[in-house]
Amino acid sequence: MEIKTVSIIGLGALGILFGSHLSKKMGSENLRIIADVDRIKKYERNHVYCNGESCRFNYVTSEEQCEPADLIIFTV
């Protein structure tokens, strides 16, 4: 099975590291960061950085309808 879409739950040090790497390799449209609304607002307001580089992630809440991910990474 080929992994085409990835969802990450937990955007701490490891979540940012994996998210940054995967978004460069597979495109940010195929990577989703799952978080609650308040946390998403915080990420968008303060931005998320990996090694000084701003990350542009695709944020979704757990309530949003979307296609299932091929891989889910828990970094909590």
PDB file of N, CA and C in Angstrom:
ATOM      1  N   MET A   1       0.832  -1.181   0.000  1.00  0.00           N
ATOM      2  CA  MET A   1       0.000   0.000   0.000  1.00  0.00           C
ATOM      3  C   MET A   1       0.876   1.244   0.000  1.00  0.00           C
ATOM      4  N   GLU A   2       0.572   2.173  -0.848  1.00  0.00           N
ATOM      5  CA  GLU A   2       1.300   3.436  -0.912  1.00  0.00           C
ATOM      6  C   GLU A   2       0.655   4.443   0.027  1.00  0.00           C
ATOM      7  N   ILE A   3       1.455   5.126   0.814  1.00  0.00           N
ATOM      8  CA  ILE A   3       0.947   6.146   1.737  1.00  0.00           C
ATOM      9  C   ILE A   3       0.872   7.469   0.992  1.00  0.00           C
ATOM     10  N   LYS A   4      -0.358   7.965   0.821  1.00  0.00           N
ATOM     11  CA  LYS A   4      -0.576   9.214   0.092  1.00  0.00           C
ATOM     12  C   LYS A   4      -1.027  10.347   0.997  1.00  0.00           C
ATOM     13  N   THR A   5      -1.688  10.011   2.109  1.00  0.00           N
ATOM     14  CA  THR A   5      -2.156  11.032   3.050  1.00  0.00           C
ATOM     15  C   THR A   5      -1.758  10.652   4.467  1.00  0.00           C
ATOM     16  N   VAL A   6      -1.369  11.666   5.239  1.00  0.00           N
ATOM     17  CA  VAL A   6      -0.929  11.452   6.618  1.00  0.00           C
ATOM     18  C   VAL A   6      -1.638  12.458   7.511  1.00  0.00           C
ATOM     19  N   SER A   7      -2.060  12.013   8.681  1.00  0.00           N
ATOM     20  CA  SER A   7      -2.590  12.894   9.717  1.00  0.00           C
ATOM     21  C   SER A   7      -1.693  12.775  10.940  1.00  0.00           C
ATOM     22  N   ILE A   8      -1.418  13.926  11.565  1.00  0.00           N
ATOM     23  CA  ILE A   8      -0.610  13.956  12.778  1.00  0.00           C
ATOM     24  C   ILE A   8      -1.461  14.510  13.910  1.00  0.00           C
ATOM     25  N   ILE A   9      -1.426  13.825  15.030  1.00  0.00           N
ATOM     26  CA  ILE A   9      -2.092  14.296  16.244  1.00  0.00           C
ATOM     27  C   ILE A   9      -0.985  14.598  17.245  1.00  0.00           C
ATOM     28  N   GLY A  10      -0.857  15.865  17.622  1.00  0.00           N
ATOM     29  CA  GLY A  10       0.183  16.302  18.547  1.00  0.00           C
ATOM     30  C   GLY A  10       1.242  17.091  17.810  1.00  0.00           C
ATOM     31  N   LEU A  11       1.310  18.383  18.092  1.00  0.00           N
ATOM     32  CA  LEU A  11       2.251  19.239  17.365  1.00  0.00           C
ATOM     33  C   LEU A  11       3.279  19.839  18.328  1.00  0.00           C
ATOM     34  N   GLY A  12       3.933  18.950  19.058  1.00  0.00           N
ATOM     35  CA  GLY A  12       5.064  19.352  19.882  1.00  0.00           C
ATOM     36  C   GLY A  12       6.327  19.225  19.046  1.00  0.00           C
ATOM     37  N   ALA A  13       7.442  18.990  19.709  1.00  0.00           N
ATOM     38  CA  ALA A  13       8.719  18.911  19.008  1.00  0.00           C
ATOM     39  C   ALA A  13       8.728  17.830  17.921  1.00  0.00           C
ATOM     40  N   LEU A  14       8.269  16.627  18.256  1.00  0.00           N
ATOM     41  CA  LEU A  14       8.278  15.542  17.264  1.00  0.00           C
ATOM     42  C   LEU A  14       7.227  15.745  16.176  1.00  0.00           C
ATOM     43  N   GLY A  15       6.047  16.225  16.556  1.00  0.00           N
ATOM     44  CA  GLY A  15       5.009  16.477  15.567  1.00  0.00           C
ATOM     45  C   GLY A  15       5.445  17.509  14.539  1.00  0.00           C
ATOM     46  N   ILE A  16       6.101  18.569  15.019  1.00  0.00           N
ATOM     47  CA  ILE A  16       6.609  19.593  14.105  1.00  0.00           C
ATOM     48  C   ILE A  16       7.704  19.025  13.221  1.00  0.00           C
ATOM     49  N   LEU A  17       8.611  18.249  13.811  1.00  0.00           N
ATOM     50  CA  LEU A  17       9.705  17.663  13.040  1.00  0.00           C
ATOM     51  C   LEU A  17       9.179  16.747  11.930  1.00  0.00           C
ATOM     52  N   PHE A  18       8.309  15.794  12.304  1.00  0.00           N
ATOM     53  CA  PHE A  18       7.741  14.893  11.297  1.00  0.00           C
ATOM     54  C   PHE A  18       6.882  15.656  10.291  1.00  0.00           C
ATOM     55  N   GLY A  19       6.073  16.603  10.791  1.00  0.00           N
ATOM     56  CA  GLY A  19       5.205  17.376   9.913  1.00  0.00           C
ATOM     57  C   GLY A  19       5.980  18.181   8.899  1.00  0.00           C
ATOM     58  N   SER A  20       7.041  18.825   9.332  1.00  0.00           N
ATOM     59  CA  SER A  20       7.871  19.611   8.419  1.00  0.00           C
ATOM     60  C   SER A  20       8.482  18.730   7.342  1.00  0.00           C
ATOM     61  N   HIS A  21       9.051  17.626   7.760  1.00  0.00           N
ATOM     62  CA  HIS A  21       9.674  16.698   6.799  1.00  0.00           C
ATOM     63  C   HIS A  21       8.645  16.149   5.802  1.00  0.00           C
ATOM     64  N   LEU A  22       7.508  15.682   6.321  1.00  0.00           N
ATOM     65  CA  LEU A  22       6.498  15.080   5.446  1.00  0.00           C
ATOM     66  C   LEU A  22       5.869  16.102   4.503  1.00  0.00           C
ATOM     67  N   SER A  23       5.638  17.321   4.976  1.00  0.00           N
ATOM     68  CA  SER A  23       5.017  18.319   4.099  1.00  0.00           C
ATOM     69  C   SER A  23       5.935  18.679   2.940  1.00  0.00           C
ATOM     70  N   LYS A  24       7.241  18.634   3.164  1.00  0.00           N
ATOM     71  CA  LYS A  24       8.190  18.897   2.073  1.00  0.00           C
ATOM     72  C   LYS A  24       8.212  17.744   1.078  1.00  0.00           C
ATOM     73  N   LYS A  25       8.061  16.523   1.564  1.00  0.00           N
ATOM     74  CA  LYS A  25       8.139  15.340   0.708  1.00  0.00           C
ATOM     75  C   LYS A  25       6.842  15.056  -0.038  1.00  0.00           C
ATOM     76  N   MET A  26       5.692  15.252   0.637  1.00  0.00           N
ATOM     77  CA  MET A  26       4.420  14.842   0.031  1.00  0.00           C
ATOM     78  C   MET A  26       3.483  16.009  -0.247  1.00  0.00           C
ATOM     79  N   GLY A  27       3.872  17.202   0.131  1.00  0.00           N
ATOM     80  CA  GLY A  27       3.023  18.367  -0.072  1.00  0.00           C
ATOM     81  C   GLY A  27       2.094  18.583   1.113  1.00  0.00           C
ATOM     82  N   SER A  28       1.935  19.829   1.513  1.00  0.00           N
ATOM     83  CA  SER A  28       1.136  20.124   2.702  1.00  0.00           C
ATOM     84  C   SER A  28      -0.334  19.784   2.516  1.00  0.00           C
ATOM     85  N   GLU A  29      -0.797  19.702   1.275  1.00  0.00           N
ATOM     86  CA  GLU A  29      -2.203  19.344   1.042  1.00  0.00           C
ATOM     87  C   GLU A  29      -2.501  17.886   1.389  1.00  0.00           C
ATOM     88  N   ASN A  30      -1.465  17.058   1.470  1.00  0.00           N
ATOM     89  CA  ASN A  30      -1.637  15.641   1.810  1.00  0.00           C
ATOM     90  C   ASN A  30      -1.322  15.330   3.267  1.00  0.00           C
ATOM     91  N   LEU A  31      -1.014  16.377   4.026  1.00  0.00           N
ATOM     92  CA  LEU A  31      -0.690  16.227   5.442  1.00  0.00           C
ATOM     93  C   LEU A  31      -1.685  17.060   6.245  1.00  0.00           C
ATOM     94  N   ARG A  32      -2.315  16.434   7.237  1.00  0.00           N
ATOM     95  CA  ARG A  32      -3.265  17.150   8.096  1.00  0.00           C
ATOM     96  C   ARG A  32      -2.767  17.101   9.531  1.00  0.00           C
ATOM     97  N   ILE A  33      -2.870  18.238  10.193  1.00  0.00           N
ATOM     98  CA  ILE A  33      -2.598  18.313  11.621  1.00  0.00           C
ATOM     99  C   ILE A  33      -3.951  18.386  12.308  1.00  0.00           C
ATOM    100  N   ILE A  34      -4.258  17.408  13.151  1.00  0.00           N
ATOM    101  CA  ILE A  34      -5.552  17.355  13.824  1.00  0.00           C
ATOM    102  C   ILE A  34      -5.412  17.989  15.206  1.00  0.00           C
ATOM    103  N   ALA A  35      -6.245  18.993  15.478  1.00  0.00           N
ATOM    104  CA  ALA A  35      -6.201  19.698  16.765  1.00  0.00           C
ATOM    105  C   ALA A  35      -7.566  20.312  17.041  1.00  0.00           C
ATOM    106  N   ASP A  36      -7.752  20.786  18.283  1.00  0.00           N
ATOM    107  CA  ASP A  36      -9.015  21.463  18.585  1.00  0.00           C
ATOM    108  C   ASP A  36      -8.964  22.912  18.080  1.00  0.00           C
ATOM    109  N   VAL A  37     -10.117  23.554  18.032  1.00  0.00           N
ATOM    110  CA  VAL A  37     -10.249  24.884  17.434  1.00  0.00           C
ATOM    111  C   VAL A  37      -9.338  25.903  18.116  1.00  0.00           C
ATOM    112  N   ASP A  38      -9.302  25.912  19.447  1.00  0.00           N
ATOM    113  CA  ASP A  38      -8.474  26.888  20.173  1.00  0.00           C
ATOM    114  C   ASP A  38      -6.992  26.715  19.860  1.00  0.00           C
ATOM    115  N   ARG A  39      -6.561  25.479  19.785  1.00  0.00           N
ATOM    116  CA  ARG A  39      -5.148  25.219  19.496  1.00  0.00           C
ATOM    117  C   ARG A  39      -4.809  25.618  18.057  1.00  0.00           C
ATOM    118  N   ILE A  40      -5.719  25.366  17.130  1.00  0.00           N
ATOM    119  CA  ILE A  40      -5.491  25.764  15.733  1.00  0.00           C
ATOM    120  C   ILE A  40      -5.355  27.283  15.642  1.00  0.00           C
ATOM    121  N   LYS A  41      -6.224  28.012  16.341  1.00  0.00           N
ATOM    122  CA  LYS A  41      -6.132  29.477  16.342  1.00  0.00           C
ATOM    123  C   LYS A  41      -4.783  29.932  16.882  1.00  0.00           C
ATOM    124  N   LYS A  42      -4.297  29.270  17.933  1.00  0.00           N
ATOM    125  CA  LYS A  42      -2.990  29.605  18.510  1.00  0.00           C
ATOM    126  C   LYS A  42      -1.873  29.349  17.502  1.00  0.00           C
ATOM    127  N   TYR A  43      -1.919  28.205  16.827  1.00  0.00           N
ATOM    128  CA  TYR A  43      -0.895  27.892  15.822  1.00  0.00           C
ATOM    129  C   TYR A  43      -0.905  28.920  14.701  1.00  0.00           C
ATOM    130  N   GLU A  44      -2.081  29.312  14.244  1.00  0.00           N
ATOM    131  CA  GLU A  44      -2.182  30.268  13.143  1.00  0.00           C
ATOM    132  C   GLU A  44      -1.752  31.670  13.580  1.00  0.00           C
ATOM    133  N   ARG A  45      -2.038  32.023  14.815  1.00  0.00           N
ATOM    134  CA  ARG A  45      -1.673  33.351  15.332  1.00  0.00           C
ATOM    135  C   ARG A  45      -0.157  33.457  15.566  1.00  0.00           C
ATOM    136  N   ASN A  46       0.418  32.437  16.187  1.00  0.00           N
ATOM    137  CA  ASN A  46       1.837  32.483  16.561  1.00  0.00           C
ATOM    138  C   ASN A  46       2.768  31.829  15.537  1.00  0.00           C
ATOM    139  N   HIS A  47       2.220  31.125  14.591  1.00  0.00           N
ATOM    140  CA  HIS A  47       2.968  30.364  13.581  1.00  0.00           C
ATOM    141  C   HIS A  47       3.770  29.244  14.239  1.00  0.00           C
ATOM    142  N   VAL A  48       4.090  28.260  13.469  1.00  0.00           N
ATOM    143  CA  VAL A  48       4.854  27.101  13.926  1.00  0.00           C
ATOM    144  C   VAL A  48       6.149  27.084  13.125  1.00  0.00           C
ATOM    145  N   TYR A  49       7.264  26.879  13.823  1.00  0.00           N
ATOM    146  CA  TYR A  49       8.576  26.902  13.188  1.00  0.00           C
ATOM    147  C   TYR A  49       9.322  25.594  13.434  1.00  0.00           C
ATOM    148  N   CYS A  50      10.079  25.179  12.438  1.00  0.00           N
ATOM    149  CA  CYS A  50      10.974  24.027  12.558  1.00  0.00           C
ATOM    150  C   CYS A  50      12.359  24.490  12.136  1.00  0.00           C
ATOM    151  N   ASN A  51      13.283  24.497  13.076  1.00  0.00           N
ATOM    152  CA  ASN A  51      14.654  24.967  12.827  1.00  0.00           C
ATOM    153  C   ASN A  51      14.670  26.361  12.195  1.00  0.00           C
ATOM    154  N   GLY A  52      13.837  27.251  12.720  1.00  0.00           N
ATOM    155  CA  GLY A  52      13.788  28.632  12.259  1.00  0.00           C
ATOM    156  C   GLY A  52      12.982  28.864  11.002  1.00  0.00           C
ATOM    157  N   GLU A  53      12.479  27.812  10.396  1.00  0.00           N
ATOM    158  CA  GLU A  53      11.698  27.914   9.158  1.00  0.00           C
ATOM    159  C   GLU A  53      10.208  27.785   9.472  1.00  0.00           C
ATOM    160  N   SER A  54       9.411  28.724   8.973  1.00  0.00           N
ATOM    161  CA  SER A  54       7.971  28.705   9.207  1.00  0.00           C
ATOM    162  C   SER A  54       7.327  27.518   8.494  1.00  0.00           C
ATOM    163  N   CYS A  55       6.460  26.819   9.195  1.00  0.00           N
ATOM    164  CA  CYS A  55       5.762  25.665   8.629  1.00  0.00           C
ATOM    165  C   CYS A  55       4.341  26.065   8.241  1.00  0.00           C
ATOM    166  N   ARG A  56       3.919  25.663   7.082  1.00  0.00           N
ATOM    167  CA  ARG A  56       2.553  25.914   6.629  1.00  0.00           C
ATOM    168  C   ARG A  56       1.818  24.577   6.622  1.00  0.00           C
ATOM    169  N   PHE A  57       1.081  24.349   7.707  1.00  0.00           N
ATOM    170  CA  PHE A  57       0.376  23.088   7.853  1.00  0.00           C
ATOM    171  C   PHE A  57      -1.101  23.257   7.530  1.00  0.00           C
ATOM    172  N   ASN A  58      -1.719  22.154   7.177  1.00  0.00           N
ATOM    173  CA  ASN A  58      -3.154  22.076   6.916  1.00  0.00           C
ATOM    174  C   ASN A  58      -3.804  21.578   8.208  1.00  0.00           C
ATOM    175  N   TYR A  59      -4.470  22.486   8.932  1.00  0.00           N
ATOM    176  CA  TYR A  59      -5.072  22.136  10.221  1.00  0.00           C
ATOM    177  C   TYR A  59      -6.532  21.725  10.039  1.00  0.00           C
ATOM    178  N   VAL A  60      -6.943  20.691  10.749  1.00  0.00           N
ATOM    179  CA  VAL A  60      -8.345  20.265  10.772  1.00  0.00           C
ATOM    180  C   VAL A  60      -8.714  19.884  12.203  1.00  0.00           C
ATOM    181  N   THR A  61     -10.006  19.991  12.516  1.00  0.00           N
ATOM    182  CA  THR A  61     -10.488  19.529  13.817  1.00  0.00           C
ATOM    183  C   THR A  61     -10.947  18.088  13.669  1.00  0.00           C
ATOM    184  N   SER A  62     -11.117  17.418  14.789  1.00  0.00           N
ATOM    185  CA  SER A  62     -11.558  16.023  14.748  1.00  0.00           C
ATOM    186  C   SER A  62     -12.999  15.902  14.277  1.00  0.00           C
ATOM    187  N   GLU A  63     -13.758  16.992  14.318  1.00  0.00           N
ATOM    188  CA  GLU A  63     -15.152  16.964  13.895  1.00  0.00           C
ATOM    189  C   GLU A  63     -15.325  17.154  12.385  1.00  0.00           C
ATOM    190  N   GLU A  64     -14.306  17.659  11.712  1.00  0.00           N
ATOM    191  CA  GLU A  64     -14.407  17.919  10.269  1.00  0.00           C
ATOM    192  C   GLU A  64     -14.471  16.617   9.484  1.00  0.00           C
ATOM    193  N   GLN A  65     -15.299  16.609   8.471  1.00  0.00           N
ATOM    194  CA  GLN A  65     -15.418  15.456   7.588  1.00  0.00           C
ATOM    195  C   GLN A  65     -14.295  15.505   6.550  1.00  0.00           C
ATOM    196  N   CYS A  66     -13.575  14.418   6.412  1.00  0.00           N
ATOM    197  CA  CYS A  66     -12.525  14.317   5.398  1.00  0.00           C
ATOM    198  C   CYS A  66     -12.271  12.852   5.106  1.00  0.00           C
ATOM    199  N   GLU A  67     -11.517  12.618   4.074  1.00  0.00           N
ATOM    200  CA  GLU A  67     -11.173  11.248   3.704  1.00  0.00           C
ATOM    201  C   GLU A  67     -10.253  10.649   4.762  1.00  0.00           C
ATOM    202  N   PRO A  68     -10.337   9.356   4.984  1.00  0.00           N
ATOM    203  CA  PRO A  68      -9.435   8.714   5.955  1.00  0.00           C
ATOM    204  C   PRO A  68      -7.973   8.851   5.509  1.00  0.00           C
ATOM    205  N   ALA A  69      -7.093   8.986   6.469  1.00  0.00           N
ATOM    206  CA  ALA A  69      -5.661   9.064   6.183  1.00  0.00           C
ATOM    207  C   ALA A  69      -5.102   7.658   5.996  1.00  0.00           C
ATOM    208  N   ASP A  70      -4.088   7.555   5.169  1.00  0.00           N
ATOM    209  CA  ASP A  70      -3.399   6.270   5.002  1.00  0.00           C
ATOM    210  C   ASP A  70      -2.511   5.955   6.206  1.00  0.00           C
ATOM    211  N   LEU A  71      -2.064   7.006   6.895  1.00  0.00           N
ATOM    212  CA  LEU A  71      -1.185   6.843   8.062  1.00  0.00           C
ATOM    213  C   LEU A  71      -1.551   7.910   9.087  1.00  0.00           C
ATOM    214  N   ILE A  72      -1.681   7.517  10.347  1.00  0.00           N
ATOM    215  CA  ILE A  72      -1.907   8.457  11.434  1.00  0.00           C
ATOM    216  C   ILE A  72      -0.719   8.357  12.386  1.00  0.00           C
ATOM    217  N   ILE A  73      -0.132   9.499  12.707  1.00  0.00           N
ATOM    218  CA  ILE A  73       1.015   9.547  13.606  1.00  0.00           C
ATOM    219  C   ILE A  73       0.588  10.262  14.890  1.00  0.00           C
ATOM    220  N   PHE A  74       0.747   9.590  16.009  1.00  0.00           N
ATOM    221  CA  PHE A  74       0.434  10.167  17.325  1.00  0.00           C
ATOM    222  C   PHE A  74       1.755  10.627  17.948  1.00  0.00           C
ATOM    223  N   THR A  75       1.888  11.928  18.190  1.00  0.00           N
ATOM    224  CA  THR A  75       3.111  12.457  18.783  1.00  0.00           C
ATOM    225  C   THR A  75       2.760  13.259  20.023  1.00  0.00           C
ATOM    226  N   VAL A  76       2.001  12.619  20.906  1.00  0.00           N
ATOM    227  CA  VAL A  76       1.575  13.294  22.144  1.00  0.00           C
ATOM    228  C   VAL A  76       2.347  12.773  23.331  1.00  0.00           C
TER     229      VAL A  76
END
